[in-house]
Amino acid sequence: MERKALFVEVKWRELDEKNGGRILRDLERKSGLAGLDGWEKSYGLVAKKIAGREELEREGFLVWDLEDFEKLF
């Protein structure tokens, strides 16, 4: 059995790289409360718009904004 978990935070506002990074690092910290030691964990952020998202993705985070969802429809 694969032990993978995805933690995502959703914000209905525009974010810059600094605030997005802060939210994602806090999400990493909070994920420790889930009791999933030994699981592979991924962290994501959904927001209205995220400036500097490329840097967050380079750091290994998953990042989506409204434009991503508009492309789906």
PDB file of N, CA and C in Angstrom:
ATOM      1  N   MET A   1       0.840  -1.181   0.000  1.00  0.00           N
ATOM      2  CA  MET A   1       0.000   0.000   0.000  1.00  0.00           C
ATOM      3  C   MET A   1       0.890   1.252   0.000  1.00  0.00           C
ATOM      4  N   GLU A   2       0.586   2.155  -0.923  1.00  0.00           N
ATOM      5  CA  GLU A   2       1.322   3.425  -0.965  1.00  0.00           C
ATOM      6  C   GLU A   2       0.827   4.328   0.148  1.00  0.00           C
ATOM      7  N   ARG A   3       1.751   4.997   0.767  1.00  0.00           N
ATOM      8  CA  ARG A   3       1.403   5.934   1.839  1.00  0.00           C
ATOM      9  C   ARG A   3       1.795   7.338   1.394  1.00  0.00           C
ATOM     10  N   LYS A   4       0.834   7.974   0.729  1.00  0.00           N
ATOM     11  CA  LYS A   4       1.047   9.327   0.225  1.00  0.00           C
ATOM     12  C   LYS A   4      -0.076  10.220   0.727  1.00  0.00           C
ATOM     13  N   ALA A   5       0.275  11.468   1.020  1.00  0.00           N
ATOM     14  CA  ALA A   5      -0.734  12.428   1.477  1.00  0.00           C
ATOM     15  C   ALA A   5      -0.497  13.761   0.770  1.00  0.00           C
ATOM     16  N   LEU A   6      -1.585  14.423   0.419  1.00  0.00           N
ATOM     17  CA  LEU A   6      -1.533  15.744  -0.195  1.00  0.00           C
ATOM     18  C   LEU A   6      -2.235  16.722   0.739  1.00  0.00           C
ATOM     19  N   PHE A   7      -1.505  17.726   1.158  1.00  0.00           N
ATOM     20  CA  PHE A   7      -2.052  18.790   2.004  1.00  0.00           C
ATOM     21  C   PHE A   7      -2.161  20.049   1.157  1.00  0.00           C
ATOM     22  N   VAL A   8      -3.355  20.626   1.089  1.00  0.00           N
ATOM     23  CA  VAL A   8      -3.592  21.801   0.245  1.00  0.00           C
ATOM     24  C   VAL A   8      -4.312  22.865   1.055  1.00  0.00           C
ATOM     25  N   GLU A   9      -3.883  24.094   0.880  1.00  0.00           N
ATOM     26  CA  GLU A   9      -4.575  25.225   1.485  1.00  0.00           C
ATOM     27  C   GLU A   9      -5.154  26.070   0.347  1.00  0.00           C
ATOM     28  N   VAL A  10      -6.367  26.570   0.546  1.00  0.00           N
ATOM     29  CA  VAL A  10      -7.050  27.370  -0.465  1.00  0.00           C
ATOM     30  C   VAL A  10      -7.291  28.763   0.102  1.00  0.00           C
ATOM     31  N   LYS A  11      -6.903  29.772  -0.674  1.00  0.00           N
ATOM     32  CA  LYS A  11      -7.097  31.175  -0.278  1.00  0.00           C
ATOM     33  C   LYS A  11      -7.812  31.897  -1.412  1.00  0.00           C
ATOM     34  N   TRP A  12      -8.852  32.622  -1.104  1.00  0.00           N
ATOM     35  CA  TRP A  12      -9.580  33.366  -2.123  1.00  0.00           C
ATOM     36  C   TRP A  12      -9.071  34.805  -2.165  1.00  0.00           C
ATOM     37  N   ARG A  13      -7.779  34.932  -2.480  1.00  0.00           N
ATOM     38  CA  ARG A  13      -7.176  36.253  -2.636  1.00  0.00           C
ATOM     39  C   ARG A  13      -5.916  36.109  -3.483  1.00  0.00           C
ATOM     40  N   GLU A  14      -5.398  37.248  -3.889  1.00  0.00           N
ATOM     41  CA  GLU A  14      -4.154  37.248  -4.647  1.00  0.00           C
ATOM     42  C   GLU A  14      -2.988  37.215  -3.670  1.00  0.00           C
ATOM     43  N   LEU A  15      -1.980  36.421  -4.005  1.00  0.00           N
ATOM     44  CA  LEU A  15      -0.820  36.263  -3.139  1.00  0.00           C
ATOM     45  C   LEU A  15       0.451  36.557  -3.905  1.00  0.00           C
ATOM     46  N   ASP A  16       1.471  36.999  -3.179  1.00  0.00           N
ATOM     47  CA  ASP A  16       2.796  37.099  -3.785  1.00  0.00           C
ATOM     48  C   ASP A  16       3.620  35.894  -3.315  1.00  0.00           C
ATOM     49  N   GLU A  17       4.809  35.771  -3.845  1.00  0.00           N
ATOM     50  CA  GLU A  17       5.660  34.617  -3.532  1.00  0.00           C
ATOM     51  C   GLU A  17       5.947  34.523  -2.028  1.00  0.00           C
ATOM     52  N   LYS A  18       6.199  35.658  -1.401  1.00  0.00           N
ATOM     53  CA  LYS A  18       6.532  35.670   0.027  1.00  0.00           C
ATOM     54  C   LYS A  18       5.380  35.109   0.861  1.00  0.00           C
ATOM     55  N   ASN A  19       4.171  35.613   0.632  1.00  0.00           N
ATOM     56  CA  ASN A  19       3.013  35.136   1.398  1.00  0.00           C
ATOM     57  C   ASN A  19       2.654  33.702   1.046  1.00  0.00           C
ATOM     58  N   GLY A  20       2.768  33.346  -0.221  1.00  0.00           N
ATOM     59  CA  GLY A  20       2.508  31.966  -0.630  1.00  0.00           C
ATOM     60  C   GLY A  20       3.480  31.005   0.034  1.00  0.00           C
ATOM     61  N   GLY A  21       4.748  31.377   0.067  1.00  0.00           N
ATOM     62  CA  GLY A  21       5.752  30.541   0.724  1.00  0.00           C
ATOM     63  C   GLY A  21       5.483  30.391   2.208  1.00  0.00           C
ATOM     64  N   ARG A  22       5.070  31.480   2.841  1.00  0.00           N
ATOM     65  CA  ARG A  22       4.764  31.445   4.276  1.00  0.00           C
ATOM     66  C   ARG A  22       3.610  30.485   4.544  1.00  0.00           C
ATOM     67  N   ILE A  23       2.570  30.560   3.714  1.00  0.00           N
ATOM     68  CA  ILE A  23       1.415  29.678   3.875  1.00  0.00           C
ATOM     69  C   ILE A  23       1.823  28.214   3.684  1.00  0.00           C
ATOM     70  N   LEU A  24       2.644  27.948   2.674  1.00  0.00           N
ATOM     71  CA  LEU A  24       3.054  26.571   2.399  1.00  0.00           C
ATOM     72  C   LEU A  24       3.955  26.014   3.500  1.00  0.00           C
ATOM     73  N   ARG A  25       4.864  26.814   4.021  1.00  0.00           N
ATOM     74  CA  ARG A  25       5.726  26.342   5.111  1.00  0.00           C
ATOM     75  C   ARG A  25       4.912  26.101   6.385  1.00  0.00           C
ATOM     76  N   ASP A  26       3.907  26.938   6.611  1.00  0.00           N
ATOM     77  CA  ASP A  26       3.031  26.723   7.754  1.00  0.00           C
ATOM     78  C   ASP A  26       2.208  25.441   7.560  1.00  0.00           C
ATOM     79  N   LEU A  27       1.812  25.175   6.333  1.00  0.00           N
ATOM     80  CA  LEU A  27       1.081  23.949   6.020  1.00  0.00           C
ATOM     81  C   LEU A  27       1.962  22.723   6.299  1.00  0.00           C
ATOM     82  N   GLU A  28       3.242  22.813   5.953  1.00  0.00           N
ATOM     83  CA  GLU A  28       4.173  21.724   6.265  1.00  0.00           C
ATOM     84  C   GLU A  28       4.207  21.475   7.775  1.00  0.00           C
ATOM     85  N   ARG A  29       4.283  22.554   8.530  1.00  0.00           N
ATOM     86  CA  ARG A  29       4.322  22.447   9.988  1.00  0.00           C
ATOM     87  C   ARG A  29       3.030  21.803  10.509  1.00  0.00           C
ATOM     88  N   LYS A  30       1.887  22.274  10.027  1.00  0.00           N
ATOM     89  CA  LYS A  30       0.596  21.749  10.475  1.00  0.00           C
ATOM     90  C   LYS A  30       0.411  20.277  10.103  1.00  0.00           C
ATOM     91  N   SER A  31       1.003  19.857   8.995  1.00  0.00           N
ATOM     92  CA  SER A  31       0.831  18.468   8.558  1.00  0.00           C
ATOM     93  C   SER A  31       1.395  17.489   9.579  1.00  0.00           C
ATOM     94  N   GLY A  32       2.307  17.941  10.398  1.00  0.00           N
ATOM     95  CA  GLY A  32       2.852  17.089  11.447  1.00  0.00           C
ATOM     96  C   GLY A  32       1.799  16.668  12.451  1.00  0.00           C
ATOM     97  N   LEU A  33       0.730  17.418  12.546  1.00  0.00           N
ATOM     98  CA  LEU A  33      -0.349  17.099  13.481  1.00  0.00           C
ATOM     99  C   LEU A  33      -1.226  15.951  12.985  1.00  0.00           C
ATOM    100  N   ALA A  34      -1.085  15.582  11.719  1.00  0.00           N
ATOM    101  CA  ALA A  34      -1.924  14.534  11.133  1.00  0.00           C
ATOM    102  C   ALA A  34      -1.470  13.125  11.529  1.00  0.00           C
ATOM    103  N   GLY A  35      -0.290  13.019  12.104  1.00  0.00           N
ATOM    104  CA  GLY A  35       0.185  11.708  12.539  1.00  0.00           C
ATOM    105  C   GLY A  35       0.507  10.759  11.407  1.00  0.00           C
ATOM    106  N   LEU A  36       1.076  11.274  10.337  1.00  0.00           N
ATOM    107  CA  LEU A  36       1.393  10.445   9.176  1.00  0.00           C
ATOM    108  C   LEU A  36       2.901  10.257   9.034  1.00  0.00           C
ATOM    109  N   ASP A  37       3.555   9.915  10.120  1.00  0.00           N
ATOM    110  CA  ASP A  37       4.996   9.684  10.081  1.00  0.00           C
ATOM    111  C   ASP A  37       5.312   8.561   9.104  1.00  0.00           C
ATOM    112  N   GLY A  38       6.318   8.767   8.289  1.00  0.00           N
ATOM    113  CA  GLY A  38       6.712   7.769   7.311  1.00  0.00           C
ATOM    114  C   GLY A  38       5.965   7.851   5.991  1.00  0.00           C
ATOM    115  N   TRP A  39       4.992   8.727   5.901  1.00  0.00           N
ATOM    116  CA  TRP A  39       4.256   8.911   4.650  1.00  0.00           C
ATOM    117  C   TRP A  39       4.996   9.904   3.768  1.00  0.00           C
ATOM    118  N   GLU A  40       4.838   9.753   2.455  1.00  0.00           N
ATOM    119  CA  GLU A  40       5.334  10.750   1.502  1.00  0.00           C
ATOM    120  C   GLU A  40       4.309  11.876   1.461  1.00  0.00           C
ATOM    121  N   LYS A  41       4.751  13.096   1.750  1.00  0.00           N
ATOM    122  CA  LYS A  41       3.826  14.227   1.833  1.00  0.00           C
ATOM    123  C   LYS A  41       4.112  15.238   0.726  1.00  0.00           C
ATOM    124  N   SER A  42       3.050  15.767   0.137  1.00  0.00           N
ATOM    125  CA  SER A  42       3.144  16.850  -0.844  1.00  0.00           C
ATOM    126  C   SER A  42       2.292  18.001  -0.337  1.00  0.00           C
ATOM    127  N   TYR A  43       2.684  19.206  -0.743  1.00  0.00           N
ATOM    128  CA  TYR A  43       2.015  20.411  -0.248  1.00  0.00           C
ATOM    129  C   TYR A  43       1.615  21.289  -1.414  1.00  0.00           C
ATOM    130  N   GLY A  44       0.381  21.788  -1.365  1.00  0.00           N
ATOM    131  CA  GLY A  44      -0.120  22.607  -2.450  1.00  0.00           C
ATOM    132  C   GLY A  44      -0.859  23.835  -1.963  1.00  0.00           C
ATOM    133  N   LEU A  45      -0.987  24.778  -2.868  1.00  0.00           N
ATOM    134  CA  LEU A  45      -1.668  26.037  -2.585  1.00  0.00           C
ATOM    135  C   LEU A  45      -2.544  26.393  -3.779  1.00  0.00           C
ATOM    136  N   VAL A  46      -3.794  26.754  -3.498  1.00  0.00           N
ATOM    137  CA  VAL A  46      -4.714  27.250  -4.514  1.00  0.00           C
ATOM    138  C   VAL A  46      -5.091  28.663  -4.092  1.00  0.00           C
ATOM    139  N   ALA A  47      -4.980  29.614  -5.020  1.00  0.00           N
ATOM    140  CA  ALA A  47      -5.346  30.999  -4.723  1.00  0.00           C
ATOM    141  C   ALA A  47      -5.905  31.652  -5.980  1.00  0.00           C
ATOM    142  N   LYS A  48      -6.499  32.793  -5.787  1.00  0.00           N
ATOM    143  CA  LYS A  48      -7.064  33.547  -6.899  1.00  0.00           C
ATOM    144  C   LYS A  48      -5.989  33.826  -7.951  1.00  0.00           C
ATOM    145  N   LYS A  49      -4.840  34.291  -7.500  1.00  0.00           N
ATOM    146  CA  LYS A  49      -3.677  34.535  -8.355  1.00  0.00           C
ATOM    147  C   LYS A  49      -2.447  34.475  -7.461  1.00  0.00           C
ATOM    148  N   ILE A  50      -1.353  33.929  -7.999  1.00  0.00           N
ATOM    149  CA  ILE A  50      -0.133  33.790  -7.209  1.00  0.00           C
ATOM    150  C   ILE A  50       1.038  34.331  -8.019  1.00  0.00           C
ATOM    151  N   ALA A  51       1.537  35.484  -7.620  1.00  0.00           N
ATOM    152  CA  ALA A  51       2.716  36.065  -8.265  1.00  0.00           C
ATOM    153  C   ALA A  51       3.951  35.323  -7.768  1.00  0.00           C
ATOM    154  N   GLY A  52       4.870  35.023  -8.660  1.00  0.00           N
ATOM    155  CA  GLY A  52       6.093  34.328  -8.273  1.00  0.00           C
ATOM    156  C   GLY A  52       5.893  32.844  -8.028  1.00  0.00           C
ATOM    157  N   ARG A  53       4.859  32.291  -8.581  1.00  0.00           N
ATOM    158  CA  ARG A  53       4.549  30.880  -8.356  1.00  0.00           C
ATOM    159  C   ARG A  53       5.635  29.948  -8.873  1.00  0.00           C
ATOM    160  N   GLU A  54       6.364  30.393  -9.904  1.00  0.00           N
ATOM    161  CA  GLU A  54       7.410  29.550 -10.485  1.00  0.00           C
ATOM    162  C   GLU A  54       8.460  29.185  -9.438  1.00  0.00           C
ATOM    163  N   GLU A  55       8.824  30.141  -8.603  1.00  0.00           N
ATOM    164  CA  GLU A  55       9.819  29.882  -7.561  1.00  0.00           C
ATOM    165  C   GLU A  55       9.279  28.872  -6.546  1.00  0.00           C
ATOM    166  N   LEU A  56       8.023  28.994  -6.183  1.00  0.00           N
ATOM    167  CA  LEU A  56       7.421  28.043  -5.246  1.00  0.00           C
ATOM    168  C   LEU A  56       7.404  26.639  -5.846  1.00  0.00           C
ATOM    169  N   GLU A  57       7.123  26.549  -7.142  1.00  0.00           N
ATOM    170  CA  GLU A  57       7.137  25.249  -7.817  1.00  0.00           C
ATOM    171  C   GLU A  57       8.552  24.685  -7.859  1.00  0.00           C
ATOM    172  N   ARG A  58       9.560  25.539  -8.059  1.00  0.00           N
ATOM    173  CA  ARG A  58      10.956  25.081  -8.049  1.00  0.00           C
ATOM    174  C   ARG A  58      11.337  24.527  -6.679  1.00  0.00           C
ATOM    175  N   GLU A  59      10.697  25.041  -5.633  1.00  0.00           N
ATOM    176  CA  GLU A  59      10.964  24.547  -4.283  1.00  0.00           C
ATOM    177  C   GLU A  59      10.244  23.227  -4.007  1.00  0.00           C
ATOM    178  N   GLY A  60       9.446  22.756  -4.971  1.00  0.00           N
ATOM    179  CA  GLY A  60       8.790  21.468  -4.846  1.00  0.00           C
ATOM    180  C   GLY A  60       7.334  21.523  -4.426  1.00  0.00           C
ATOM    181  N   PHE A  61       6.778  22.730  -4.326  1.00  0.00           N
ATOM    182  CA  PHE A  61       5.375  22.876  -3.956  1.00  0.00           C
ATOM    183  C   PHE A  61       4.489  22.782  -5.193  1.00  0.00           C
ATOM    184  N   LEU A  62       3.231  22.385  -4.984  1.00  0.00           N
ATOM    185  CA  LEU A  62       2.232  22.382  -6.039  1.00  0.00           C
ATOM    186  C   LEU A  62       1.441  23.677  -5.915  1.00  0.00           C
ATOM    187  N   VAL A  63       1.257  24.379  -7.026  1.00  0.00           N
ATOM    188  CA  VAL A  63       0.620  25.708  -6.979  1.00  0.00           C
ATOM    189  C   VAL A  63      -0.372  25.834  -8.129  1.00  0.00           C
ATOM    190  N   TRP A  64      -1.591  26.251  -7.784  1.00  0.00           N
ATOM    191  CA  TRP A  64      -2.630  26.470  -8.796  1.00  0.00           C
ATOM    192  C   TRP A  64      -3.318  27.799  -8.536  1.00  0.00           C
ATOM    193  N   ASP A  65      -3.727  28.462  -9.622  1.00  0.00           N
ATOM    194  CA  ASP A  65      -4.552  29.669  -9.482  1.00  0.00           C
ATOM    195  C   ASP A  65      -5.759  29.541 -10.412  1.00  0.00           C
ATOM    196  N   LEU A  66      -6.595  30.568 -10.432  1.00  0.00           N
ATOM    197  CA  LEU A  66      -7.822  30.499 -11.225  1.00  0.00           C
ATOM    198  C   LEU A  66      -7.564  30.231 -12.702  1.00  0.00           C
ATOM    199  N   GLU A  67      -6.487  30.767 -13.242  1.00  0.00           N
ATOM    200  CA  GLU A  67      -6.187  30.537 -14.655  1.00  0.00           C
ATOM    201  C   GLU A  67      -6.022  29.050 -14.947  1.00  0.00           C
ATOM    202  N   ASP A  68      -5.433  28.321 -14.027  1.00  0.00           N
ATOM    203  CA  ASP A  68      -5.275  26.877 -14.217  1.00  0.00           C
ATOM    204  C   ASP A  68      -6.622  26.183 -14.334  1.00  0.00           C
ATOM    205  N   PHE A  69      -7.564  26.581 -13.496  1.00  0.00           N
ATOM    206  CA  PHE A  69      -8.882  25.967 -13.513  1.00  0.00           C
ATOM    207  C   PHE A  69      -9.706  26.427 -14.719  1.00  0.00           C
ATOM    208  N   GLU A  70      -9.508  27.671 -15.163  1.00  0.00           N
ATOM    209  CA  GLU A  70     -10.209  28.155 -16.355  1.00  0.00           C
ATOM    210  C   GLU A  70      -9.795  27.367 -17.587  1.00  0.00           C
ATOM    211  N   LYS A  71      -8.544  26.934 -17.639  1.00  0.00           N
ATOM    212  CA  LYS A  71      -8.060  26.162 -18.777  1.00  0.00           C
ATOM    213  C   LYS A  71      -8.735  24.799 -18.866  1.00  0.00           C
ATOM    214  N   LEU A  72      -9.208  24.301 -17.753  1.00  0.00           N
ATOM    215  CA  LEU A  72      -9.868  22.998 -17.733  1.00  0.00           C
ATOM    216  C   LEU A  72     -11.250  23.022 -18.357  1.00  0.00           C
ATOM    217  N   PHE A  73     -11.877  24.205 -18.362  1.00  0.00           N
ATOM    218  CA  PHE A  73     -13.273  24.303 -18.818  1.00  0.00           C
ATOM    219  C   PHE A  73     -13.394  24.994 -20.129  1.00  0.00           C
TER     220      PHE A  73
END
